[in-house]
């Protein structure tokens, strides 16, 4: 009866209650051990919603795979706001620096469709558009055009593999 459970949990704050408890209850795993390991592995994403996959076997053994939080969650955490703008084209709720956009793009790059950091940054900027977040005081659509024009090629150059 081996299986897989996929849930979103608050980083570092998972509990044996919902959503984990009801999913893990009928399985042979030690729920407290799963919760403790999830909290250890997601502690860096304090309070952000983090995708977690728990694979378990009939003998009660389990493995945990922690994903990267959604781009919007990373932006909210980095910029320090709770909810996006109700009118993202007109009302802006926060402002990011180029360095913050790069940091988020680096965190998300493995989960995105982008093949390099520059395109990963453009995907992050697209999420900024829908949240109502400016970048260095500029509308994110204008910032994306400046990325396309090569203005930020130095900042978004992929670092050479070690």
N, C-alpha and C. Protein backbone atom coordinates (compact mmCIF):
# COMPACT_ATOMS: atom_id res chain seq x y z
N UNK A 1 0.81 -1.20 0.00
CA UNK A 1 0.00 0.00 0.00
C UNK A 1 0.86 1.26 0.00
N UNK A 2 2.00 1.22 -0.61
CA UNK A 2 2.85 2.40 -0.70
C UNK A 2 2.10 3.49 -1.46
N UNK A 3 2.42 4.74 -1.15
CA UNK A 3 1.73 5.83 -1.81
C UNK A 3 2.45 7.15 -1.71
N UNK A 4 1.81 8.17 -2.27
CA UNK A 4 2.36 9.52 -2.29
C UNK A 4 1.29 10.51 -1.86
N UNK A 5 1.70 11.48 -1.05
CA UNK A 5 0.79 12.55 -0.61
C UNK A 5 1.45 13.87 -0.97
N UNK A 6 0.70 14.76 -1.61
CA UNK A 6 1.20 16.09 -1.95
C UNK A 6 0.34 17.13 -1.24
N UNK A 7 1.00 18.02 -0.49
CA UNK A 7 0.28 19.05 0.26
C UNK A 7 1.06 20.36 0.24
N UNK A 8 0.35 21.44 0.53
CA UNK A 8 0.98 22.75 0.76
C UNK A 8 0.95 22.98 2.26
N UNK A 9 2.10 23.25 2.85
CA UNK A 9 2.16 23.49 4.29
C UNK A 9 2.88 24.81 4.56
N UNK A 10 2.56 25.47 5.67
CA UNK A 10 3.31 26.68 6.03
C UNK A 10 4.73 26.29 6.46
N UNK A 11 5.72 26.92 5.86
CA UNK A 11 7.11 26.58 6.13
C UNK A 11 7.47 26.63 7.60
N UNK A 12 8.01 25.53 8.10
CA UNK A 12 8.43 25.45 9.49
C UNK A 12 7.30 25.37 10.49
N UNK A 13 6.05 25.32 10.03
CA UNK A 13 4.91 25.36 10.94
C UNK A 13 3.87 24.27 10.66
N UNK A 14 4.30 23.16 10.04
CA UNK A 14 3.36 22.07 9.77
C UNK A 14 2.90 21.47 11.10
N UNK A 15 1.67 20.96 11.13
CA UNK A 15 1.12 20.33 12.33
C UNK A 15 0.49 19.00 11.94
N UNK A 16 0.20 18.15 12.94
CA UNK A 16 -0.46 16.88 12.62
C UNK A 16 -1.93 17.06 12.25
N UNK A 17 -2.42 18.28 12.29
CA UNK A 17 -3.79 18.57 11.87
C UNK A 17 -3.86 18.69 10.36
N UNK A 18 -4.99 19.17 9.85
CA UNK A 18 -5.13 19.35 8.40
C UNK A 18 -4.06 20.32 7.87
N UNK A 19 -3.55 20.14 6.68
CA UNK A 19 -3.91 19.13 5.69
C UNK A 19 -3.17 17.80 5.86
N UNK A 20 -2.11 17.77 6.68
CA UNK A 20 -1.30 16.56 6.78
C UNK A 20 -1.98 15.41 7.51
N UNK A 21 -2.51 15.66 8.69
CA UNK A 21 -3.08 14.61 9.54
C UNK A 21 -4.08 13.71 8.83
N UNK A 22 -5.12 14.29 8.23
CA UNK A 22 -6.11 13.44 7.55
C UNK A 22 -5.52 12.62 6.41
N UNK A 23 -4.49 13.15 5.75
CA UNK A 23 -3.85 12.42 4.65
C UNK A 23 -2.96 11.30 5.17
N UNK A 24 -2.22 11.57 6.26
CA UNK A 24 -1.26 10.60 6.78
C UNK A 24 -1.90 9.58 7.73
N UNK A 25 -3.02 9.92 8.34
CA UNK A 25 -3.66 9.06 9.33
C UNK A 25 -3.82 7.61 8.91
N UNK A 26 -4.37 7.34 7.73
CA UNK A 26 -4.57 5.95 7.32
C UNK A 26 -3.29 5.23 6.84
N UNK A 27 -2.17 5.91 6.81
CA UNK A 27 -0.93 5.30 6.32
C UNK A 27 -0.16 4.69 7.50
N UNK A 28 0.84 3.85 7.21
CA UNK A 28 1.62 3.22 8.29
C UNK A 28 2.74 4.11 8.86
N UNK A 29 2.85 5.36 8.44
CA UNK A 29 3.96 6.21 8.89
C UNK A 29 3.66 6.84 10.25
N UNK A 30 4.73 7.24 10.95
CA UNK A 30 4.62 7.97 12.21
C UNK A 30 4.37 9.44 11.86
N UNK A 31 3.14 9.90 12.06
CA UNK A 31 2.74 11.26 11.66
C UNK A 31 3.64 12.31 12.31
N UNK A 32 3.93 12.15 13.61
CA UNK A 32 4.78 13.13 14.30
C UNK A 32 6.18 13.21 13.68
N UNK A 33 6.73 12.07 13.27
CA UNK A 33 8.06 12.05 12.66
C UNK A 33 8.03 12.77 11.31
N UNK A 34 6.96 12.56 10.54
CA UNK A 34 6.82 13.23 9.24
C UNK A 34 6.72 14.74 9.44
N UNK A 35 5.88 15.16 10.38
CA UNK A 35 5.70 16.59 10.66
C UNK A 35 7.02 17.22 11.11
N UNK A 36 7.75 16.55 11.99
CA UNK A 36 9.02 17.09 12.48
C UNK A 36 10.03 17.25 11.34
N UNK A 37 10.10 16.25 10.46
CA UNK A 37 11.05 16.34 9.34
C UNK A 37 10.64 17.44 8.36
N UNK A 38 9.35 17.56 8.09
CA UNK A 38 8.87 18.63 7.20
C UNK A 38 9.23 19.99 7.79
N UNK A 39 9.01 20.17 9.09
CA UNK A 39 9.33 21.46 9.71
C UNK A 39 10.82 21.75 9.66
N UNK A 40 11.66 20.73 9.85
CA UNK A 40 13.11 20.92 9.74
C UNK A 40 13.50 21.36 8.33
N UNK A 41 12.93 20.70 7.33
CA UNK A 41 13.31 20.97 5.95
C UNK A 41 12.69 22.25 5.38
N UNK A 42 11.61 22.73 5.98
CA UNK A 42 10.95 23.93 5.45
C UNK A 42 11.17 25.16 6.31
N UNK A 43 12.00 25.04 7.33
CA UNK A 43 12.22 26.15 8.28
C UNK A 43 12.70 27.42 7.58
N UNK A 44 13.47 27.30 6.52
CA UNK A 44 13.99 28.47 5.80
C UNK A 44 12.87 29.26 5.13
N UNK A 45 11.72 28.61 4.87
CA UNK A 45 10.60 29.28 4.21
C UNK A 45 9.57 29.70 5.25
N UNK A 46 10.02 30.21 6.37
CA UNK A 46 9.20 30.56 7.53
C UNK A 46 7.87 31.20 7.16
N UNK A 47 6.79 30.48 7.40
CA UNK A 47 5.44 31.01 7.20
C UNK A 47 4.93 30.98 5.77
N UNK A 48 5.79 30.79 4.77
CA UNK A 48 5.35 30.74 3.37
C UNK A 48 4.73 29.37 3.08
N UNK A 49 3.79 29.34 2.17
CA UNK A 49 3.21 28.07 1.74
C UNK A 49 4.24 27.32 0.89
N UNK A 50 4.56 26.09 1.30
CA UNK A 50 5.59 25.31 0.63
C UNK A 50 4.99 23.99 0.14
N UNK A 51 5.19 23.63 -1.14
CA UNK A 51 4.71 22.33 -1.61
C UNK A 51 5.61 21.20 -1.08
N UNK A 52 4.99 20.18 -0.51
CA UNK A 52 5.73 19.05 0.05
C UNK A 52 5.13 17.76 -0.49
N UNK A 53 5.99 16.83 -0.87
CA UNK A 53 5.56 15.50 -1.32
C UNK A 53 6.11 14.47 -0.33
N UNK A 54 5.22 13.66 0.22
CA UNK A 54 5.62 12.60 1.14
C UNK A 54 5.36 11.27 0.43
N UNK A 55 6.41 10.48 0.26
CA UNK A 55 6.26 9.14 -0.30
C UNK A 55 6.49 8.15 0.83
N UNK A 56 5.60 7.17 0.94
CA UNK A 56 5.72 6.23 2.05
C UNK A 56 5.59 4.79 1.55
N UNK A 57 6.15 3.87 2.36
CA UNK A 57 6.08 2.44 2.05
C UNK A 57 5.26 1.73 3.12
N UNK A 58 4.94 0.46 2.85
CA UNK A 58 4.14 -0.35 3.77
C UNK A 58 4.82 -0.55 5.12
N UNK A 59 6.15 -0.47 5.14
CA UNK A 59 6.87 -0.70 6.41
C UNK A 59 6.93 0.55 7.30
N UNK A 60 6.29 1.65 6.87
CA UNK A 60 6.28 2.88 7.67
C UNK A 60 7.41 3.83 7.33
N UNK A 61 8.30 3.44 6.42
CA UNK A 61 9.37 4.35 6.02
C UNK A 61 8.80 5.41 5.08
N UNK A 62 9.46 6.56 5.05
CA UNK A 62 8.98 7.65 4.21
C UNK A 62 10.13 8.52 3.74
N UNK A 63 9.90 9.22 2.65
CA UNK A 63 10.83 10.24 2.18
C UNK A 63 10.03 11.51 1.92
N UNK A 64 10.69 12.63 2.12
CA UNK A 64 10.03 13.92 1.95
C UNK A 64 10.78 14.73 0.91
N UNK A 65 10.04 15.29 -0.03
CA UNK A 65 10.62 16.17 -1.04
C UNK A 65 9.96 17.54 -0.88
N UNK A 66 10.77 18.55 -0.66
CA UNK A 66 10.26 19.90 -0.46
C UNK A 66 10.45 20.70 -1.75
N UNK A 67 9.38 21.29 -2.23
CA UNK A 67 9.45 22.12 -3.42
C UNK A 67 9.75 23.56 -3.06
N UNK A 68 9.76 24.41 -4.05
CA UNK A 68 9.97 25.84 -3.84
C UNK A 68 8.61 26.51 -3.77
N UNK A 69 8.41 27.44 -2.83
CA UNK A 69 7.11 28.12 -2.74
C UNK A 69 6.75 28.81 -4.06
N UNK A 70 5.46 29.06 -4.26
CA UNK A 70 5.04 29.78 -5.47
C UNK A 70 5.74 31.14 -5.59
N UNK A 71 5.95 31.58 -6.82
CA UNK A 71 6.64 32.85 -7.07
C UNK A 71 5.99 34.00 -6.31
N UNK A 72 4.66 34.04 -6.30
CA UNK A 72 3.96 35.13 -5.61
C UNK A 72 4.31 35.14 -4.12
N UNK A 73 4.44 33.95 -3.50
CA UNK A 73 4.81 33.88 -2.08
C UNK A 73 6.21 34.42 -1.86
N UNK A 74 7.15 34.08 -2.74
CA UNK A 74 8.52 34.58 -2.61
C UNK A 74 8.56 36.10 -2.75
N UNK A 75 7.78 36.64 -3.69
CA UNK A 75 7.72 38.09 -3.89
C UNK A 75 7.14 38.76 -2.65
N UNK A 76 6.04 38.23 -2.14
CA UNK A 76 5.41 38.80 -0.94
C UNK A 76 6.39 38.80 0.24
N UNK A 77 7.10 37.70 0.40
CA UNK A 77 8.05 37.59 1.51
C UNK A 77 9.20 38.57 1.33
N UNK A 78 9.73 38.66 0.13
CA UNK A 78 10.87 39.53 -0.14
C UNK A 78 10.50 41.01 0.01
N UNK A 79 9.29 41.37 -0.46
CA UNK A 79 8.87 42.77 -0.44
C UNK A 79 8.17 43.14 0.87
N UNK A 80 7.76 42.14 1.65
CA UNK A 80 7.16 42.40 2.95
C UNK A 80 5.72 42.88 2.91
N UNK A 81 4.87 42.23 2.12
CA UNK A 81 3.45 42.57 2.13
C UNK A 81 2.64 41.29 2.15
N UNK A 82 1.36 41.42 2.54
CA UNK A 82 0.50 40.24 2.72
C UNK A 82 -0.30 39.87 1.47
N UNK A 83 -0.94 40.87 0.85
CA UNK A 83 -1.80 40.58 -0.31
C UNK A 83 -1.46 41.53 -1.45
N UNK A 84 -1.70 41.04 -2.65
CA UNK A 84 -1.45 41.86 -3.83
C UNK A 84 -2.49 42.96 -3.98
N UNK A 85 -2.30 43.78 -4.97
CA UNK A 85 -3.19 44.90 -5.24
C UNK A 85 -4.48 44.41 -5.88
N UNK A 86 -5.59 45.03 -5.49
CA UNK A 86 -6.87 44.74 -6.14
C UNK A 86 -6.92 45.34 -7.54
N UNK A 87 -6.10 46.35 -7.79
CA UNK A 87 -6.01 47.00 -9.10
C UNK A 87 -4.53 47.07 -9.48
N UNK A 88 -3.95 45.93 -9.88
CA UNK A 88 -2.50 45.87 -10.07
C UNK A 88 -1.94 46.77 -11.16
N UNK A 89 -2.78 47.22 -12.08
CA UNK A 89 -2.28 48.11 -13.14
C UNK A 89 -2.22 49.56 -12.67
N UNK A 90 -2.96 49.88 -11.58
CA UNK A 90 -3.05 51.26 -11.13
C UNK A 90 -2.53 51.48 -9.72
N UNK A 91 -2.78 50.52 -8.82
CA UNK A 91 -2.39 50.67 -7.42
C UNK A 91 -1.27 49.67 -7.12
N UNK A 92 -0.14 50.20 -6.68
CA UNK A 92 1.00 49.34 -6.41
C UNK A 92 1.18 49.18 -4.90
N UNK A 93 1.51 47.95 -4.47
CA UNK A 93 1.58 47.65 -3.04
C UNK A 93 3.01 47.56 -2.51
N UNK A 94 3.99 47.41 -3.41
CA UNK A 94 5.38 47.27 -2.95
C UNK A 94 6.33 47.56 -4.10
N UNK A 95 7.61 47.63 -3.76
CA UNK A 95 8.64 47.89 -4.76
C UNK A 95 9.82 46.96 -4.50
N UNK A 96 10.34 46.34 -5.54
CA UNK A 96 11.51 45.47 -5.44
C UNK A 96 12.70 46.11 -6.12
N UNK A 97 13.89 45.71 -5.68
CA UNK A 97 15.11 46.13 -6.37
C UNK A 97 15.47 45.06 -7.41
N UNK A 98 16.37 45.40 -8.30
CA UNK A 98 16.84 44.44 -9.29
C UNK A 98 17.47 43.23 -8.57
N UNK A 99 18.21 43.49 -7.48
CA UNK A 99 18.84 42.41 -6.73
C UNK A 99 17.80 41.46 -6.14
N UNK A 100 16.67 42.00 -5.66
CA UNK A 100 15.62 41.15 -5.11
C UNK A 100 14.97 40.30 -6.21
N UNK A 101 14.75 40.89 -7.38
CA UNK A 101 14.20 40.14 -8.51
C UNK A 101 15.15 39.00 -8.87
N UNK A 102 16.46 39.29 -8.90
CA UNK A 102 17.45 38.27 -9.22
C UNK A 102 17.44 37.15 -8.18
N UNK A 103 17.35 37.51 -6.91
CA UNK A 103 17.33 36.51 -5.83
C UNK A 103 16.13 35.57 -5.99
N UNK A 104 14.95 36.13 -6.25
CA UNK A 104 13.74 35.32 -6.43
C UNK A 104 13.89 34.44 -7.67
N UNK A 105 14.41 35.00 -8.75
CA UNK A 105 14.60 34.23 -9.98
C UNK A 105 15.55 33.05 -9.75
N UNK A 106 16.60 33.27 -8.96
CA UNK A 106 17.54 32.19 -8.66
C UNK A 106 16.86 31.10 -7.83
N UNK A 107 16.01 31.50 -6.87
CA UNK A 107 15.31 30.52 -6.03
C UNK A 107 14.34 29.69 -6.86
N UNK A 108 13.69 30.31 -7.83
CA UNK A 108 12.64 29.65 -8.61
C UNK A 108 13.12 29.01 -9.90
N UNK A 109 14.32 29.31 -10.34
CA UNK A 109 14.76 28.92 -11.68
C UNK A 109 14.55 27.43 -11.97
N UNK A 110 14.79 26.57 -10.99
CA UNK A 110 14.64 25.13 -11.25
C UNK A 110 13.18 24.74 -11.50
N UNK A 111 12.24 25.53 -10.99
CA UNK A 111 10.82 25.23 -11.16
C UNK A 111 10.18 25.92 -12.36
N UNK A 112 10.89 26.85 -12.96
CA UNK A 112 10.31 27.63 -14.05
C UNK A 112 10.64 27.01 -15.41
N UNK A 113 9.94 27.46 -16.42
CA UNK A 113 10.19 26.99 -17.78
C UNK A 113 11.40 27.67 -18.41
N UNK A 114 11.89 28.72 -17.78
CA UNK A 114 12.99 29.50 -18.34
C UNK A 114 14.27 28.68 -18.44
N UNK A 115 15.03 28.94 -19.49
CA UNK A 115 16.28 28.21 -19.70
C UNK A 115 17.50 28.99 -19.21
N UNK A 116 17.32 30.22 -18.76
CA UNK A 116 18.42 30.97 -18.17
C UNK A 116 17.87 31.97 -17.15
N UNK A 117 18.80 32.59 -16.41
CA UNK A 117 18.39 33.48 -15.33
C UNK A 117 17.64 34.71 -15.84
N UNK A 118 18.03 35.23 -16.98
CA UNK A 118 17.37 36.40 -17.55
C UNK A 118 15.89 36.11 -17.80
N UNK A 119 15.59 34.96 -18.40
CA UNK A 119 14.20 34.62 -18.66
C UNK A 119 13.44 34.24 -17.39
N UNK A 120 14.13 33.67 -16.42
CA UNK A 120 13.51 33.39 -15.12
C UNK A 120 13.10 34.72 -14.47
N UNK A 121 13.97 35.72 -14.58
CA UNK A 121 13.67 37.04 -14.02
C UNK A 121 12.43 37.64 -14.70
N UNK A 122 12.30 37.42 -16.01
CA UNK A 122 11.13 37.95 -16.72
C UNK A 122 9.85 37.27 -16.25
N UNK A 123 9.93 35.98 -15.90
CA UNK A 123 8.76 35.30 -15.34
C UNK A 123 8.40 35.89 -13.97
N UNK A 124 9.41 36.19 -13.16
CA UNK A 124 9.17 36.81 -11.85
C UNK A 124 8.53 38.18 -12.06
N UNK A 125 9.03 38.94 -13.01
CA UNK A 125 8.48 40.28 -13.31
C UNK A 125 7.02 40.15 -13.74
N UNK A 126 6.69 39.11 -14.50
CA UNK A 126 5.30 38.89 -14.91
C UNK A 126 4.39 38.69 -13.70
N UNK A 127 4.88 37.99 -12.68
CA UNK A 127 4.09 37.83 -11.46
C UNK A 127 3.97 39.16 -10.73
N UNK A 128 5.00 39.98 -10.79
CA UNK A 128 4.95 41.33 -10.18
C UNK A 128 3.83 42.15 -10.81
N UNK A 129 3.63 41.99 -12.13
CA UNK A 129 2.56 42.72 -12.82
C UNK A 129 1.22 42.38 -12.18
N UNK A 130 0.95 41.09 -11.98
CA UNK A 130 -0.36 40.69 -11.47
C UNK A 130 -0.53 40.99 -9.99
N UNK A 131 0.57 41.15 -9.25
CA UNK A 131 0.47 41.48 -7.81
C UNK A 131 0.42 42.98 -7.55
N UNK A 132 0.83 43.78 -8.53
CA UNK A 132 0.89 45.22 -8.32
C UNK A 132 2.17 45.63 -7.60
N UNK A 133 3.29 45.06 -8.03
CA UNK A 133 4.60 45.35 -7.43
C UNK A 133 5.47 46.04 -8.48
N UNK A 134 6.03 47.18 -8.12
CA UNK A 134 6.93 47.88 -9.02
C UNK A 134 8.36 47.38 -8.83
N UNK A 135 9.23 47.69 -9.78
CA UNK A 135 10.63 47.31 -9.67
C UNK A 135 11.46 48.57 -9.83
N UNK A 136 12.13 48.92 -8.75
CA UNK A 136 12.90 50.16 -8.67
C UNK A 136 12.06 51.35 -9.10
N UNK A 137 10.81 51.36 -8.64
CA UNK A 137 9.91 52.47 -8.90
C UNK A 137 9.26 52.45 -10.27
N UNK A 138 9.55 51.47 -11.09
CA UNK A 138 9.01 51.40 -12.45
C UNK A 138 7.92 50.34 -12.56
N UNK A 139 6.98 50.60 -13.45
CA UNK A 139 5.97 49.60 -13.78
C UNK A 139 6.71 48.35 -14.25
N UNK A 140 6.32 47.16 -13.78
CA UNK A 140 7.05 45.96 -14.16
C UNK A 140 7.06 45.68 -15.67
N UNK A 141 6.03 46.13 -16.38
CA UNK A 141 6.02 45.93 -17.84
C UNK A 141 7.13 46.75 -18.49
N UNK A 142 7.37 47.97 -17.99
CA UNK A 142 8.47 48.78 -18.51
C UNK A 142 9.82 48.14 -18.16
N UNK A 143 9.90 47.58 -16.94
CA UNK A 143 11.13 46.92 -16.51
C UNK A 143 11.43 45.72 -17.41
N UNK A 144 10.39 44.96 -17.77
CA UNK A 144 10.57 43.80 -18.65
C UNK A 144 11.12 44.26 -20.01
N UNK A 145 10.59 45.36 -20.52
CA UNK A 145 11.09 45.89 -21.80
C UNK A 145 12.58 46.24 -21.69
N UNK A 146 12.98 46.80 -20.55
CA UNK A 146 14.38 47.15 -20.35
C UNK A 146 15.25 45.89 -20.26
N UNK A 147 14.70 44.81 -19.67
CA UNK A 147 15.44 43.53 -19.66
C UNK A 147 15.60 43.05 -21.10
N UNK A 148 14.50 43.10 -21.88
CA UNK A 148 14.54 42.66 -23.28
C UNK A 148 15.55 43.47 -24.09
N UNK A 149 15.68 44.76 -23.77
CA UNK A 149 16.61 45.63 -24.49
C UNK A 149 18.07 45.40 -24.07
N UNK A 150 18.29 44.52 -23.09
CA UNK A 150 19.65 44.20 -22.67
C UNK A 150 20.22 45.08 -21.60
N UNK A 151 19.40 45.97 -21.03
CA UNK A 151 19.90 46.91 -20.04
C UNK A 151 20.42 46.22 -18.77
N UNK A 152 19.90 45.03 -18.46
CA UNK A 152 20.28 44.33 -17.23
C UNK A 152 21.03 43.03 -17.51
N UNK A 153 21.63 42.90 -18.69
CA UNK A 153 22.32 41.66 -19.03
C UNK A 153 23.43 41.31 -18.03
N UNK A 154 24.12 42.32 -17.50
CA UNK A 154 25.19 42.04 -16.53
C UNK A 154 24.62 41.42 -15.26
N UNK A 155 23.51 41.95 -14.75
CA UNK A 155 22.93 41.44 -13.50
C UNK A 155 22.35 40.04 -13.66
N UNK A 156 21.79 39.75 -14.85
CA UNK A 156 21.10 38.48 -15.04
C UNK A 156 21.91 37.46 -15.84
N UNK A 157 23.20 37.67 -15.95
CA UNK A 157 24.04 36.69 -16.63
C UNK A 157 24.13 35.46 -15.74
N UNK A 158 23.94 34.28 -16.32
CA UNK A 158 24.06 33.05 -15.53
C UNK A 158 25.49 32.91 -15.05
N UNK A 159 25.62 32.53 -13.79
CA UNK A 159 26.95 32.33 -13.23
C UNK A 159 27.50 31.01 -13.74
N UNK A 160 28.77 30.99 -14.00
CA UNK A 160 29.40 29.76 -14.53
C UNK A 160 29.29 28.64 -13.49
N UNK A 161 29.04 27.45 -13.98
CA UNK A 161 28.93 26.31 -13.07
C UNK A 161 30.30 26.02 -12.46
N UNK A 162 30.29 25.66 -11.20
CA UNK A 162 31.56 25.41 -10.49
C UNK A 162 32.17 24.10 -10.94
